[in-house]
Amino acid sequence: MKGKSPVSGSHYFQNTLQIQCWAVGRRKKQSILKRLFAQYQNEIDAFWAATAVGCMFLLGILEFLVQLAELK
């Protein structure tokens, strides 16, 4: 295996640059919202699931109270 030596004090190694392992940044940078959404996808899904269950629970209580009020 060849020894690796720094090129002009940079962090890149000469044989790495020769075989062109470093990809050119052609991708567009993702917006901050897309990166945050991708990073916290599981937490966001859990939040919406808990919100839906909580809303159904509250609607059930409301329905029970409406039916209880109709009996009197």
N, C-alpha and C. Protein backbone atom coordinates (compact mmCIF):
# COMPACT_ATOMS: atom_id res chain seq x y z
N MET A 1 0.85 -1.18 0.00
CA MET A 1 0.00 0.00 0.00
C MET A 1 0.89 1.23 0.00
N LYS A 2 0.53 2.22 -0.77
CA LYS A 2 1.31 3.45 -0.86
C LYS A 2 1.18 4.27 0.41
N GLY A 3 2.21 4.98 0.74
CA GLY A 3 2.14 5.88 1.87
C GLY A 3 1.36 7.13 1.48
N LYS A 4 0.67 7.68 2.43
CA LYS A 4 -0.13 8.87 2.15
C LYS A 4 0.63 10.08 2.66
N SER A 5 0.74 11.07 1.81
CA SER A 5 1.42 12.29 2.23
C SER A 5 0.53 13.49 1.92
N PRO A 6 0.46 14.44 2.85
CA PRO A 6 -0.39 15.61 2.62
C PRO A 6 0.11 16.46 1.46
N VAL A 7 -0.84 17.03 0.71
CA VAL A 7 -0.50 17.89 -0.42
C VAL A 7 -0.57 19.33 0.06
N SER A 8 0.53 20.01 0.03
CA SER A 8 0.66 21.42 0.37
C SER A 8 -0.05 21.79 1.67
N GLY A 9 0.07 20.94 2.68
CA GLY A 9 -0.48 21.24 3.99
C GLY A 9 -1.98 21.09 4.10
N SER A 10 -2.67 20.65 3.08
CA SER A 10 -4.12 20.50 3.16
C SER A 10 -4.46 19.15 3.79
N HIS A 11 -5.72 18.91 4.04
CA HIS A 11 -6.16 17.68 4.67
C HIS A 11 -6.34 16.54 3.67
N TYR A 12 -6.24 16.83 2.41
CA TYR A 12 -6.45 15.81 1.39
C TYR A 12 -5.14 15.07 1.14
N PHE A 13 -5.26 13.82 0.79
CA PHE A 13 -4.09 13.02 0.53
C PHE A 13 -3.88 12.91 -0.98
N GLN A 14 -2.62 12.82 -1.36
CA GLN A 14 -2.27 12.87 -2.77
C GLN A 14 -2.87 11.72 -3.55
N ASN A 15 -2.76 10.49 -3.05
CA ASN A 15 -3.30 9.37 -3.83
C ASN A 15 -4.83 9.38 -3.84
N THR A 16 -5.47 9.98 -2.85
CA THR A 16 -6.92 10.10 -2.87
C THR A 16 -7.35 11.07 -3.95
N LEU A 17 -6.63 12.15 -4.10
CA LEU A 17 -6.97 13.12 -5.14
C LEU A 17 -6.69 12.57 -6.52
N GLN A 18 -5.68 11.71 -6.64
CA GLN A 18 -5.36 11.16 -7.95
C GLN A 18 -6.44 10.21 -8.44
N ILE A 19 -7.05 9.44 -7.53
CA ILE A 19 -8.09 8.51 -7.98
C ILE A 19 -9.47 9.19 -7.97
N GLN A 20 -9.52 10.44 -7.61
CA GLN A 20 -10.72 11.28 -7.66
C GLN A 20 -11.88 10.69 -6.85
N CYS A 21 -11.61 10.40 -5.57
CA CYS A 21 -12.66 9.90 -4.68
C CYS A 21 -13.56 11.01 -4.20
N TRP A 22 -13.09 12.23 -4.26
CA TRP A 22 -13.87 13.35 -3.75
C TRP A 22 -14.85 13.79 -4.81
N ALA A 23 -16.12 13.63 -4.53
CA ALA A 23 -17.17 13.99 -5.49
C ALA A 23 -17.33 15.51 -5.52
N VAL A 24 -17.61 16.01 -6.68
CA VAL A 24 -17.87 17.43 -6.83
C VAL A 24 -19.27 17.71 -6.32
N GLY A 25 -19.43 18.78 -5.55
CA GLY A 25 -20.72 19.10 -4.97
C GLY A 25 -21.68 19.62 -6.02
N ARG A 26 -22.38 18.74 -6.68
CA ARG A 26 -23.33 19.14 -7.72
C ARG A 26 -24.75 19.20 -7.19
N ARG A 27 -24.97 18.52 -6.06
CA ARG A 27 -26.33 18.52 -5.52
C ARG A 27 -26.69 19.90 -5.01
N LYS A 28 -27.95 20.23 -5.14
CA LYS A 28 -28.44 21.46 -4.54
C LYS A 28 -28.57 21.22 -3.05
N LYS A 29 -28.25 22.20 -2.27
CA LYS A 29 -28.40 22.05 -0.83
C LYS A 29 -29.88 21.99 -0.48
N GLN A 30 -30.20 21.09 0.46
CA GLN A 30 -31.59 21.00 0.89
C GLN A 30 -31.91 22.19 1.78
N SER A 31 -33.13 22.59 1.76
CA SER A 31 -33.53 23.68 2.63
C SER A 31 -33.52 23.19 4.07
N ILE A 32 -33.48 24.11 4.98
CA ILE A 32 -33.42 23.77 6.40
C ILE A 32 -34.66 22.99 6.83
N LEU A 33 -35.82 23.33 6.27
CA LEU A 33 -37.05 22.62 6.64
C LEU A 33 -37.02 21.16 6.19
N LYS A 34 -36.51 20.91 4.99
CA LYS A 34 -36.44 19.54 4.50
C LYS A 34 -35.47 18.71 5.32
N ARG A 35 -34.33 19.32 5.70
CA ARG A 35 -33.36 18.59 6.52
C ARG A 35 -33.94 18.29 7.90
N LEU A 36 -34.61 19.26 8.51
CA LEU A 36 -35.20 19.03 9.82
C LEU A 36 -36.31 17.99 9.75
N PHE A 37 -37.12 18.05 8.69
CA PHE A 37 -38.20 17.08 8.52
C PHE A 37 -37.63 15.67 8.38
N ALA A 38 -36.57 15.51 7.60
CA ALA A 38 -35.96 14.20 7.42
C ALA A 38 -35.31 13.71 8.72
N GLN A 39 -34.72 14.62 9.48
CA GLN A 39 -34.03 14.25 10.69
C GLN A 39 -35.00 13.83 11.79
N TYR A 40 -36.13 14.50 11.90
CA TYR A 40 -37.08 14.23 12.97
C TYR A 40 -38.35 13.57 12.47
N GLN A 41 -38.26 12.75 11.43
CA GLN A 41 -39.43 12.13 10.83
C GLN A 41 -40.19 11.26 11.83
N ASN A 42 -39.50 10.43 12.59
CA ASN A 42 -40.18 9.54 13.54
C ASN A 42 -40.87 10.33 14.64
N GLU A 43 -40.24 11.37 15.15
CA GLU A 43 -40.85 12.18 16.19
C GLU A 43 -42.07 12.92 15.68
N ILE A 44 -42.03 13.39 14.45
CA ILE A 44 -43.17 14.09 13.86
C ILE A 44 -44.34 13.12 13.68
N ASP A 45 -44.06 11.91 13.20
CA ASP A 45 -45.11 10.91 13.03
C ASP A 45 -45.74 10.53 14.37
N ALA A 46 -44.91 10.37 15.39
CA ALA A 46 -45.43 10.03 16.72
C ALA A 46 -46.29 11.17 17.26
N PHE A 47 -45.88 12.41 17.03
CA PHE A 47 -46.66 13.55 17.48
C PHE A 47 -48.04 13.56 16.84
N TRP A 48 -48.11 13.37 15.51
CA TRP A 48 -49.40 13.40 14.82
C TRP A 48 -50.27 12.22 15.23
N ALA A 49 -49.67 11.05 15.48
CA ALA A 49 -50.45 9.90 15.94
C ALA A 49 -51.03 10.17 17.32
N ALA A 50 -50.21 10.72 18.22
CA ALA A 50 -50.70 11.04 19.56
C ALA A 50 -51.77 12.12 19.52
N THR A 51 -51.61 13.09 18.62
CA THR A 51 -52.62 14.14 18.48
C THR A 51 -53.94 13.56 17.99
N ALA A 52 -53.88 12.65 17.03
CA ALA A 52 -55.11 12.03 16.52
C ALA A 52 -55.81 11.21 17.59
N VAL A 53 -55.03 10.43 18.35
CA VAL A 53 -55.63 9.62 19.43
C VAL A 53 -56.23 10.53 20.49
N GLY A 54 -55.53 11.59 20.85
CA GLY A 54 -56.05 12.53 21.84
C GLY A 54 -57.32 13.21 21.39
N CYS A 55 -57.38 13.60 20.13
CA CYS A 55 -58.60 14.23 19.59
C CYS A 55 -59.77 13.26 19.60
N MET A 56 -59.51 12.00 19.22
CA MET A 56 -60.59 11.01 19.26
C MET A 56 -61.08 10.79 20.69
N PHE A 57 -60.17 10.78 21.65
CA PHE A 57 -60.55 10.62 23.05
C PHE A 57 -61.42 11.79 23.51
N LEU A 58 -61.01 13.00 23.18
CA LEU A 58 -61.79 14.18 23.57
C LEU A 58 -63.15 14.22 22.88
N LEU A 59 -63.20 13.82 21.61
CA LEU A 59 -64.48 13.76 20.92
C LEU A 59 -65.40 12.71 21.53
N GLY A 60 -64.83 11.60 21.99
CA GLY A 60 -65.63 10.58 22.67
C GLY A 60 -66.22 11.11 23.96
N ILE A 61 -65.43 11.85 24.73
CA ILE A 61 -65.94 12.45 25.96
C ILE A 61 -67.04 13.45 25.64
N LEU A 62 -66.82 14.27 24.61
CA LEU A 62 -67.83 15.26 24.22
C LEU A 62 -69.13 14.58 23.80
N GLU A 63 -69.01 13.52 23.03
CA GLU A 63 -70.20 12.77 22.59
C GLU A 63 -70.94 12.18 23.79
N PHE A 64 -70.19 11.65 24.75
CA PHE A 64 -70.81 11.11 25.95
C PHE A 64 -71.55 12.20 26.73
N LEU A 65 -70.93 13.37 26.85
CA LEU A 65 -71.60 14.46 27.57
C LEU A 65 -72.83 14.97 26.85
N VAL A 66 -72.82 14.99 25.52
CA VAL A 66 -73.98 15.40 24.76
C VAL A 66 -75.12 14.40 24.95
N GLN A 67 -74.83 13.12 24.89
CA GLN A 67 -75.86 12.11 25.09
C GLN A 67 -76.39 12.14 26.53
N LEU A 68 -75.51 12.41 27.48
CA LEU A 68 -75.94 12.51 28.88
C LEU A 68 -76.86 13.71 29.08
N ALA A 69 -76.57 14.81 28.38
CA ALA A 69 -77.41 16.01 28.51
C ALA A 69 -78.76 15.79 27.85
N GLU A 70 -78.86 14.97 26.81
CA GLU A 70 -80.11 14.71 26.12
C GLU A 70 -81.06 13.85 26.95
N LEU A 71 -80.52 13.06 27.88
CA LEU A 71 -81.36 12.19 28.69
C LEU A 71 -82.16 12.97 29.74
N LYS A 72 -81.67 14.08 30.16
CA LYS A 72 -82.37 14.85 31.23
C LYS A 72 -83.55 15.61 30.71
